[in-house]
Amino acid sequence: MTQSDPVDPALIEVPLDELRLAYPTSELLSRPVLNHNGDKVGWIEDLLMRDDHLAYAIITVGDFVGVPGRRVVVAFEDLAIVDKEFMI
């Protein structure tokens, strides 16, 4: 095979039940982030990947109308998704 030859992508079969538990990352952006009391502390601004997994979430906290918030980086493993809401 030369460098100009196309590479065939590996196709794998994924069970439908497994896909039902997955979220497109586009649906995770702009989601609120709640604390353990259920109070909104910020929202997901961006997600960062390392190798083959989500490693960090950039959360905007303390934003109000006309006042920009601060960006905080949180390890993705420190977030939980409960009923489509992020909990920290």
PDB file of N, CA and C in Angstrom:
ATOM      1  N   MET A   1       0.847  -1.166   0.000  1.00  0.00           N
ATOM      2  CA  MET A   1       0.000   0.000   0.000  1.00  0.00           C
ATOM      3  C   MET A   1       0.894   1.231   0.000  1.00  0.00           C
ATOM      4  N   THR A   2       0.608   2.171  -0.866  1.00  0.00           N
ATOM      5  CA  THR A   2       1.374   3.418  -0.914  1.00  0.00           C
ATOM      6  C   THR A   2       0.645   4.477  -0.111  1.00  0.00           C
ATOM      7  N   GLN A   3       1.313   5.586   0.107  1.00  0.00           N
ATOM      8  CA  GLN A   3       0.729   6.650   0.911  1.00  0.00           C
ATOM      9  C   GLN A   3      -0.519   7.242   0.255  1.00  0.00           C
ATOM     10  N   SER A   4      -0.653   7.141  -1.056  1.00  0.00           N
ATOM     11  CA  SER A   4      -1.811   7.722  -1.738  1.00  0.00           C
ATOM     12  C   SER A   4      -3.010   6.780  -1.788  1.00  0.00           C
ATOM     13  N   ASP A   5      -2.831   5.502  -1.402  1.00  0.00           N
ATOM     14  CA  ASP A   5      -3.949   4.560  -1.396  1.00  0.00           C
ATOM     15  C   ASP A   5      -4.945   4.931  -0.299  1.00  0.00           C
ATOM     16  N   PRO A   6      -6.258   4.870  -0.602  1.00  0.00           N
ATOM     17  CA  PRO A   6      -7.250   5.163   0.440  1.00  0.00           C
ATOM     18  C   PRO A   6      -7.243   4.079   1.517  1.00  0.00           C
ATOM     19  N   VAL A   7      -7.540   4.467   2.705  1.00  0.00           N
ATOM     20  CA  VAL A   7      -7.606   3.530   3.823  1.00  0.00           C
ATOM     21  C   VAL A   7      -9.068   3.247   4.126  1.00  0.00           C
ATOM     22  N   ASP A   8      -9.423   1.969   4.175  1.00  0.00           N
ATOM     23  CA  ASP A   8     -10.797   1.593   4.495  1.00  0.00           C
ATOM     24  C   ASP A   8     -11.022   1.746   5.989  1.00  0.00           C
ATOM     25  N   PRO A   9     -12.080   2.466   6.376  1.00  0.00           N
ATOM     26  CA  PRO A   9     -12.357   2.589   7.815  1.00  0.00           C
ATOM     27  C   PRO A   9     -12.838   1.253   8.375  1.00  0.00           C
ATOM     28  N   ALA A  10     -12.487   0.989   9.597  1.00  0.00           N
ATOM     29  CA  ALA A  10     -12.952  -0.233  10.248  1.00  0.00           C
ATOM     30  C   ALA A  10     -14.404  -0.028  10.659  1.00  0.00           C
ATOM     31  N   LEU A  11     -15.248  -0.914  10.236  1.00  0.00           N
ATOM     32  CA  LEU A  11     -16.659  -0.842  10.597  1.00  0.00           C
ATOM     33  C   LEU A  11     -16.926  -1.824  11.715  1.00  0.00           C
ATOM     34  N   ILE A  12     -17.634  -1.355  12.724  1.00  0.00           N
ATOM     35  CA  ILE A  12     -17.987  -2.234  13.825  1.00  0.00           C
ATOM     36  C   ILE A  12     -19.495  -2.183  14.024  1.00  0.00           C
ATOM     37  N   GLU A  13     -20.029  -3.225  14.551  1.00  0.00           N
ATOM     38  CA  GLU A  13     -21.450  -3.283  14.833  1.00  0.00           C
ATOM     39  C   GLU A  13     -21.657  -2.920  16.303  1.00  0.00           C
ATOM     40  N   VAL A  14     -22.549  -1.950  16.540  1.00  0.00           N
ATOM     41  CA  VAL A  14     -22.830  -1.495  17.903  1.00  0.00           C
ATOM     42  C   VAL A  14     -24.281  -1.824  18.212  1.00  0.00           C
ATOM     43  N   PRO A  15     -24.518  -2.503  19.331  1.00  0.00           N
ATOM     44  CA  PRO A  15     -25.907  -2.825  19.700  1.00  0.00           C
ATOM     45  C   PRO A  15     -26.713  -1.550  19.945  1.00  0.00           C
ATOM     46  N   LEU A  16     -27.969  -1.556  19.531  1.00  0.00           N
ATOM     47  CA  LEU A  16     -28.848  -0.399  19.672  1.00  0.00           C
ATOM     48  C   LEU A  16     -28.998   0.021  21.129  1.00  0.00           C
ATOM     49  N   ASP A  17     -29.061  -0.929  22.050  1.00  0.00           N
ATOM     50  CA  ASP A  17     -29.177  -0.602  23.478  1.00  0.00           C
ATOM     51  C   ASP A  17     -28.000   0.232  23.962  1.00  0.00           C
ATOM     52  N   GLU A  18     -26.830  -0.019  23.415  1.00  0.00           N
ATOM     53  CA  GLU A  18     -25.638   0.744  23.794  1.00  0.00           C
ATOM     54  C   GLU A  18     -25.721   2.173  23.266  1.00  0.00           C
ATOM     55  N   LEU A  19     -26.263   2.349  22.072  1.00  0.00           N
ATOM     56  CA  LEU A  19     -26.395   3.684  21.496  1.00  0.00           C
ATOM     57  C   LEU A  19     -27.421   4.530  22.229  1.00  0.00           C
ATOM     58  N   ARG A  20     -28.434   3.903  22.802  1.00  0.00           N
ATOM     59  CA  ARG A  20     -29.462   4.657  23.534  1.00  0.00           C
ATOM     60  C   ARG A  20     -28.886   5.377  24.750  1.00  0.00           C
ATOM     61  N   LEU A  21     -27.766   4.896  25.266  1.00  0.00           N
ATOM     62  CA  LEU A  21     -27.140   5.500  26.434  1.00  0.00           C
ATOM     63  C   LEU A  21     -26.100   6.554  26.054  1.00  0.00           C
ATOM     64  N   ALA A  22     -25.859   6.734  24.774  1.00  0.00           N
ATOM     65  CA  ALA A  22     -24.830   7.665  24.305  1.00  0.00           C
ATOM     66  C   ALA A  22     -25.449   9.025  23.974  1.00  0.00           C
ATOM     67  N   TYR A  23     -24.639  10.068  24.121  1.00  0.00           N
ATOM     68  CA  TYR A  23     -25.058  11.426  23.810  1.00  0.00           C
ATOM     69  C   TYR A  23     -24.139  12.000  22.745  1.00  0.00           C
ATOM     70  N   PRO A  24     -24.679  12.638  21.708  1.00  0.00           N
ATOM     71  CA  PRO A  24     -23.810  13.386  20.805  1.00  0.00           C
ATOM     72  C   PRO A  24     -23.217  14.571  21.578  1.00  0.00           C
ATOM     73  N   THR A  25     -21.949  14.859  21.389  1.00  0.00           N
ATOM     74  CA  THR A  25     -21.327  15.959  22.135  1.00  0.00           C
ATOM     75  C   THR A  25     -22.008  17.286  21.827  1.00  0.00           C
ATOM     76  N   SER A  26     -22.579  17.432  20.637  1.00  0.00           N
ATOM     77  CA  SER A  26     -23.277  18.683  20.311  1.00  0.00           C
ATOM     78  C   SER A  26     -24.459  18.918  21.242  1.00  0.00           C
ATOM     79  N   GLU A  27     -25.067  17.843  21.761  1.00  0.00           N
ATOM     80  CA  GLU A  27     -26.184  17.991  22.691  1.00  0.00           C
ATOM     81  C   GLU A  27     -25.720  18.296  24.110  1.00  0.00           C
ATOM     82  N   LEU A  28     -24.446  18.100  24.391  1.00  0.00           N
ATOM     83  CA  LEU A  28     -23.929  18.363  25.732  1.00  0.00           C
ATOM     84  C   LEU A  28     -23.534  19.821  25.918  1.00  0.00           C
ATOM     85  N   LEU A  29     -23.199  20.489  24.812  1.00  0.00           N
ATOM     86  CA  LEU A  29     -22.792  21.891  24.901  1.00  0.00           C
ATOM     87  C   LEU A  29     -23.976  22.756  25.329  1.00  0.00           C
ATOM     88  N   SER A  30     -23.712  23.758  26.122  1.00  0.00           N
ATOM     89  CA  SER A  30     -24.699  24.708  26.645  1.00  0.00           C
ATOM     90  C   SER A  30     -25.629  24.112  27.696  1.00  0.00           C
ATOM     91  N   ARG A  31     -25.388  22.888  28.119  1.00  0.00           N
ATOM     92  CA  ARG A  31     -26.201  22.293  29.182  1.00  0.00           C
ATOM     93  C   ARG A  31     -25.832  22.921  30.521  1.00  0.00           C
ATOM     94  N   PRO A  32     -26.810  23.095  31.395  1.00  0.00           N
ATOM     95  CA  PRO A  32     -26.498  23.625  32.717  1.00  0.00           C
ATOM     96  C   PRO A  32     -25.717  22.611  33.549  1.00  0.00           C
ATOM     97  N   VAL A  33     -24.914  23.136  34.458  1.00  0.00           N
ATOM     98  CA  VAL A  33     -24.192  22.308  35.422  1.00  0.00           C
ATOM     99  C   VAL A  33     -24.748  22.652  36.801  1.00  0.00           C
ATOM    100  N   LEU A  34     -25.179  21.634  37.524  1.00  0.00           N
ATOM    101  CA  LEU A  34     -25.810  21.820  38.825  1.00  0.00           C
ATOM    102  C   LEU A  34     -24.903  21.308  39.943  1.00  0.00           C
ATOM    103  N   ASN A  35     -25.029  21.901  41.117  1.00  0.00           N
ATOM    104  CA  ASN A  35     -24.300  21.387  42.276  1.00  0.00           C
ATOM    105  C   ASN A  35     -25.139  20.308  42.963  1.00  0.00           C
ATOM    106  N   HIS A  36     -24.667  19.791  44.090  1.00  0.00           N
ATOM    107  CA  HIS A  36     -25.369  18.694  44.766  1.00  0.00           C
ATOM    108  C   HIS A  36     -26.738  19.103  45.323  1.00  0.00           C
ATOM    109  N   ASN A  37     -26.996  20.424  45.446  1.00  0.00           N
ATOM    110  CA  ASN A  37     -28.306  20.911  45.895  1.00  0.00           C
ATOM    111  C   ASN A  37     -29.271  21.145  44.741  1.00  0.00           C
ATOM    112  N   GLY A  38     -28.789  20.966  43.509  1.00  0.00           N
ATOM    113  CA  GLY A  38     -29.618  21.208  42.342  1.00  0.00           C
ATOM    114  C   GLY A  38     -29.595  22.644  41.859  1.00  0.00           C
ATOM    115  N   ASP A  39     -28.702  23.477  42.424  1.00  0.00           N
ATOM    116  CA  ASP A  39     -28.571  24.870  41.997  1.00  0.00           C
ATOM    117  C   ASP A  39     -27.659  24.959  40.780  1.00  0.00           C
ATOM    118  N   LYS A  40     -28.031  25.799  39.820  1.00  0.00           N
ATOM    119  CA  LYS A  40     -27.201  25.981  38.632  1.00  0.00           C
ATOM    120  C   LYS A  40     -25.949  26.769  39.015  1.00  0.00           C
ATOM    121  N   VAL A  41     -24.786  26.195  38.678  1.00  0.00           N
ATOM    122  CA  VAL A  41     -23.524  26.881  38.950  1.00  0.00           C
ATOM    123  C   VAL A  41     -22.855  27.361  37.666  1.00  0.00           C
ATOM    124  N   GLY A  42     -23.325  26.892  36.529  1.00  0.00           N
ATOM    125  CA  GLY A  42     -22.735  27.296  35.262  1.00  0.00           C
ATOM    126  C   GLY A  42     -23.321  26.489  34.118  1.00  0.00           C
ATOM    127  N   TRP A  43     -22.603  26.500  32.998  1.00  0.00           N
ATOM    128  CA  TRP A  43     -23.042  25.743  31.827  1.00  0.00           C
ATOM    129  C   TRP A  43     -21.818  25.269  31.053  1.00  0.00           C
ATOM    130  N   ILE A  44     -22.013  24.166  30.317  1.00  0.00           N
ATOM    131  CA  ILE A  44     -20.928  23.560  29.539  1.00  0.00           C
ATOM    132  C   ILE A  44     -20.652  24.431  28.322  1.00  0.00           C
ATOM    133  N   GLU A  45     -19.448  24.975  28.258  1.00  0.00           N
ATOM    134  CA  GLU A  45     -19.066  25.787  27.105  1.00  0.00           C
ATOM    135  C   GLU A  45     -18.354  24.953  26.043  1.00  0.00           C
ATOM    136  N   ASP A  46     -17.505  24.026  26.485  1.00  0.00           N
ATOM    137  CA  ASP A  46     -16.755  23.219  25.527  1.00  0.00           C
ATOM    138  C   ASP A  46     -16.312  21.930  26.192  1.00  0.00           C
ATOM    139  N   LEU A  47     -15.946  20.958  25.377  1.00  0.00           N
ATOM    140  CA  LEU A  47     -15.457  19.673  25.854  1.00  0.00           C
ATOM    141  C   LEU A  47     -14.110  19.404  25.200  1.00  0.00           C
ATOM    142  N   LEU A  48     -13.176  18.878  25.965  1.00  0.00           N
ATOM    143  CA  LEU A  48     -11.838  18.592  25.460  1.00  0.00           C
ATOM    144  C   LEU A  48     -11.585  17.092  25.502  1.00  0.00           C
ATOM    145  N   MET A  49     -11.016  16.586  24.427  1.00  0.00           N
ATOM    146  CA  MET A  49     -10.713  15.160  24.342  1.00  0.00           C
ATOM    147  C   MET A  49      -9.225  14.934  24.533  1.00  0.00           C
ATOM    148  N   ARG A  50      -8.912  13.797  25.113  1.00  0.00           N
ATOM    149  CA  ARG A  50      -7.531  13.330  25.199  1.00  0.00           C
ATOM    150  C   ARG A  50      -7.546  11.901  24.686  1.00  0.00           C
ATOM    151  N   ASP A  51      -6.699  11.633  23.729  1.00  0.00           N
ATOM    152  CA  ASP A  51      -6.645  10.314  23.103  1.00  0.00           C
ATOM    153  C   ASP A  51      -8.034   9.918  22.608  1.00  0.00           C
ATOM    154  N   ASP A  52      -8.682   8.978  23.253  1.00  0.00           N
ATOM    155  CA  ASP A  52      -9.956   8.477  22.749  1.00  0.00           C
ATOM    156  C   ASP A  52     -11.126   8.697  23.704  1.00  0.00           C
ATOM    157  N   HIS A  53     -11.010   9.669  24.614  1.00  0.00           N
ATOM    158  CA  HIS A  53     -12.110   9.886  25.562  1.00  0.00           C
ATOM    159  C   HIS A  53     -12.229  11.365  25.925  1.00  0.00           C
ATOM    160  N   LEU A  54     -13.403  11.731  26.434  1.00  0.00           N
ATOM    161  CA  LEU A  54     -13.598  13.093  26.926  1.00  0.00           C
ATOM    162  C   LEU A  54     -12.795  13.250  28.200  1.00  0.00           C
ATOM    163  N   ALA A  55     -11.922  14.239  28.234  1.00  0.00           N
ATOM    164  CA  ALA A  55     -11.024  14.408  29.377  1.00  0.00           C
ATOM    165  C   ALA A  55     -11.456  15.563  30.277  1.00  0.00           C
ATOM    166  N   TYR A  56     -11.876  16.678  29.682  1.00  0.00           N
ATOM    167  CA  TYR A  56     -12.193  17.876  30.456  1.00  0.00           C
ATOM    168  C   TYR A  56     -13.433  18.565  29.901  1.00  0.00           C
ATOM    169  N   ALA A  57     -14.100  19.293  30.783  1.00  0.00           N
ATOM    170  CA  ALA A  57     -15.207  20.155  30.388  1.00  0.00           C
ATOM    171  C   ALA A  57     -14.835  21.573  30.770  1.00  0.00           C
ATOM    172  N   ILE A  58     -15.075  22.507  29.877  1.00  0.00           N
ATOM    173  CA  ILE A  58     -14.905  23.922  30.195  1.00  0.00           C
ATOM    174  C   ILE A  58     -16.286  24.434  30.586  1.00  0.00           C
ATOM    175  N   ILE A  59     -16.389  24.904  31.818  1.00  0.00           N
ATOM    176  CA  ILE A  59     -17.665  25.367  32.369  1.00  0.00           C
ATOM    177  C   ILE A  59     -17.576  26.868  32.577  1.00  0.00           C
ATOM    178  N   THR A  60     -18.572  27.602  32.101  1.00  0.00           N
ATOM    179  CA  THR A  60     -18.668  29.033  32.370  1.00  0.00           C
ATOM    180  C   THR A  60     -19.495  29.205  33.627  1.00  0.00           C
ATOM    181  N   VAL A  61     -18.924  29.880  34.622  1.00  0.00           N
ATOM    182  CA  VAL A  61     -19.603  30.097  35.905  1.00  0.00           C
ATOM    183  C   VAL A  61     -19.702  31.591  36.179  1.00  0.00           C
ATOM    184  N   GLY A  62     -20.728  31.982  36.914  1.00  0.00           N
ATOM    185  CA  GLY A  62     -20.875  33.360  37.366  1.00  0.00           C
ATOM    186  C   GLY A  62     -21.257  34.354  36.298  1.00  0.00           C
ATOM    187  N   ASP A  63     -21.868  33.902  35.198  1.00  0.00           N
ATOM    188  CA  ASP A  63     -22.271  34.860  34.162  1.00  0.00           C
ATOM    189  C   ASP A  63     -23.686  35.367  34.447  1.00  0.00           C
ATOM    190  N   PHE A  64     -23.858  36.644  34.266  1.00  0.00           N
ATOM    191  CA  PHE A  64     -25.155  37.298  34.409  1.00  0.00           C
ATOM    192  C   PHE A  64     -25.378  38.143  33.167  1.00  0.00           C
ATOM    193  N   VAL A  65     -26.551  38.665  32.993  1.00  0.00           N
ATOM    194  CA  VAL A  65     -26.852  39.488  31.825  1.00  0.00           C
ATOM    195  C   VAL A  65     -25.878  40.666  31.779  1.00  0.00           C
ATOM    196  N   GLY A  66     -25.116  40.721  30.710  1.00  0.00           N
ATOM    197  CA  GLY A  66     -24.167  41.816  30.524  1.00  0.00           C
ATOM    198  C   GLY A  66     -22.843  41.649  31.251  1.00  0.00           C
ATOM    199  N   VAL A  67     -22.709  40.643  32.115  1.00  0.00           N
ATOM    200  CA  VAL A  67     -21.465  40.410  32.846  1.00  0.00           C
ATOM    201  C   VAL A  67     -20.934  39.032  32.445  1.00  0.00           C
ATOM    202  N   PRO A  68     -19.771  38.999  31.792  1.00  0.00           N
ATOM    203  CA  PRO A  68     -19.241  37.702  31.370  1.00  0.00           C
ATOM    204  C   PRO A  68     -18.806  36.855  32.569  1.00  0.00           C
ATOM    205  N   GLY A  69     -18.956  35.560  32.438  1.00  0.00           N
ATOM    206  CA  GLY A  69     -18.550  34.644  33.493  1.00  0.00           C
ATOM    207  C   GLY A  69     -17.086  34.257  33.367  1.00  0.00           C
ATOM    208  N   ARG A  70     -16.640  33.437  34.292  1.00  0.00           N
ATOM    209  CA  ARG A  70     -15.282  32.904  34.262  1.00  0.00           C
ATOM    210  C   ARG A  70     -15.334  31.488  33.722  1.00  0.00           C
ATOM    211  N   ARG A  71     -14.271  31.091  33.071  1.00  0.00           N
ATOM    212  CA  ARG A  71     -14.179  29.720  32.563  1.00  0.00           C
ATOM    213  C   ARG A  71     -13.385  28.881  33.550  1.00  0.00           C
ATOM    214  N   VAL A  72     -13.930  27.715  33.853  1.00  0.00           N
ATOM    215  CA  VAL A  72     -13.301  26.788  34.781  1.00  0.00           C
ATOM    216  C   VAL A  72     -13.164  25.447  34.060  1.00  0.00           C
ATOM    217  N   VAL A  73     -12.008  24.818  34.209  1.00  0.00           N
ATOM    218  CA  VAL A  73     -11.791  23.503  33.603  1.00  0.00           C
ATOM    219  C   VAL A  73     -11.986  22.444  34.676  1.00  0.00           C
ATOM    220  N   VAL A  74     -12.833  21.458  34.364  1.00  0.00           N
ATOM    221  CA  VAL A  74     -13.145  20.377  35.295  1.00  0.00           C
ATOM    222  C   VAL A  74     -12.885  19.055  34.586  1.00  0.00           C
ATOM    223  N   ALA A  75     -12.281  18.108  35.284  1.00  0.00           N
ATOM    224  CA  ALA A  75     -12.112  16.771  34.715  1.00  0.00           C
ATOM    225  C   ALA A  75     -13.485  16.191  34.405  1.00  0.00           C
ATOM    226  N   PHE A  76     -13.654  15.656  33.219  1.00  0.00           N
ATOM    227  CA  PHE A  76     -14.957  15.131  32.815  1.00  0.00           C
ATOM    228  C   PHE A  76     -15.426  14.028  33.762  1.00  0.00           C
ATOM    229  N   GLU A  77     -14.495  13.276  34.319  1.00  0.00           N
ATOM    230  CA  GLU A  77     -14.863  12.191  35.242  1.00  0.00           C
ATOM    231  C   GLU A  77     -15.472  12.714  36.546  1.00  0.00           C
ATOM    232  N   ASP A  78     -15.290  14.009  36.835  1.00  0.00           N
ATOM    233  CA  ASP A  78     -15.881  14.609  38.033  1.00  0.00           C
ATOM    234  C   ASP A  78     -17.316  15.070  37.806  1.00  0.00           C
ATOM    235  N   LEU A  79     -17.815  14.904  36.599  1.00  0.00           N
ATOM    236  CA  LEU A  79     -19.198  15.264  36.277  1.00  0.00           C
ATOM    237  C   LEU A  79     -20.030  13.999  36.145  1.00  0.00           C
ATOM    238  N   ALA A  80     -21.280  14.102  36.531  1.00  0.00           N
ATOM    239  CA  ALA A  80     -22.219  12.995  36.336  1.00  0.00           C
ATOM    240  C   ALA A  80     -23.393  13.530  35.534  1.00  0.00           C
ATOM    241  N   ILE A  81     -23.937  12.705  34.671  1.00  0.00           N
ATOM    242  CA  ILE A  81     -25.124  13.083  33.912  1.00  0.00           C
ATOM    243  C   ILE A  81     -26.308  12.378  34.547  1.00  0.00           C
ATOM    244  N   VAL A  82     -27.206  13.173  35.124  1.00  0.00           N
ATOM    245  CA  VAL A  82     -28.388  12.648  35.797  1.00  0.00           C
ATOM    246  C   VAL A  82     -29.609  13.293  35.145  1.00  0.00           C
ATOM    247  N   ASP A  83     -30.463  12.466  34.544  1.00  0.00           N
ATOM    248  CA  ASP A  83     -31.647  12.976  33.845  1.00  0.00           C
ATOM    249  C   ASP A  83     -31.285  14.090  32.861  1.00  0.00           C
ATOM    250  N   LYS A  84     -30.243  13.868  32.083  1.00  0.00           N
ATOM    251  CA  LYS A  84     -29.752  14.791  31.064  1.00  0.00           C
ATOM    252  C   LYS A  84     -29.253  16.119  31.626  1.00  0.00           C
ATOM    253  N   GLU A  85     -28.945  16.146  32.913  1.00  0.00           N
ATOM    254  CA  GLU A  85     -28.367  17.332  33.560  1.00  0.00           C
ATOM    255  C   GLU A  85     -26.978  16.955  34.075  1.00  0.00           C
ATOM    256  N   PHE A  86     -26.056  17.905  34.005  1.00  0.00           N
ATOM    257  CA  PHE A  86     -24.725  17.674  34.557  1.00  0.00           C
ATOM    258  C   PHE A  86     -24.724  18.012  36.035  1.00  0.00           C
ATOM    259  N   MET A  87     -24.165  17.131  36.832  1.00  0.00           N
ATOM    260  CA  MET A  87     -24.003  17.347  38.262  1.00  0.00           C
ATOM    261  C   MET A  87     -22.509  17.346  38.565  1.00  0.00           C
ATOM    262  N   ILE A  88     -22.089  18.282  39.408  1.00  0.00           N
ATOM    263  CA  ILE A  88     -20.680  18.356  39.778  1.00  0.00           C
ATOM    264  C   ILE A  88     -20.532  18.084  41.260  1.00  0.00           C
TER     265      ILE A  88
END
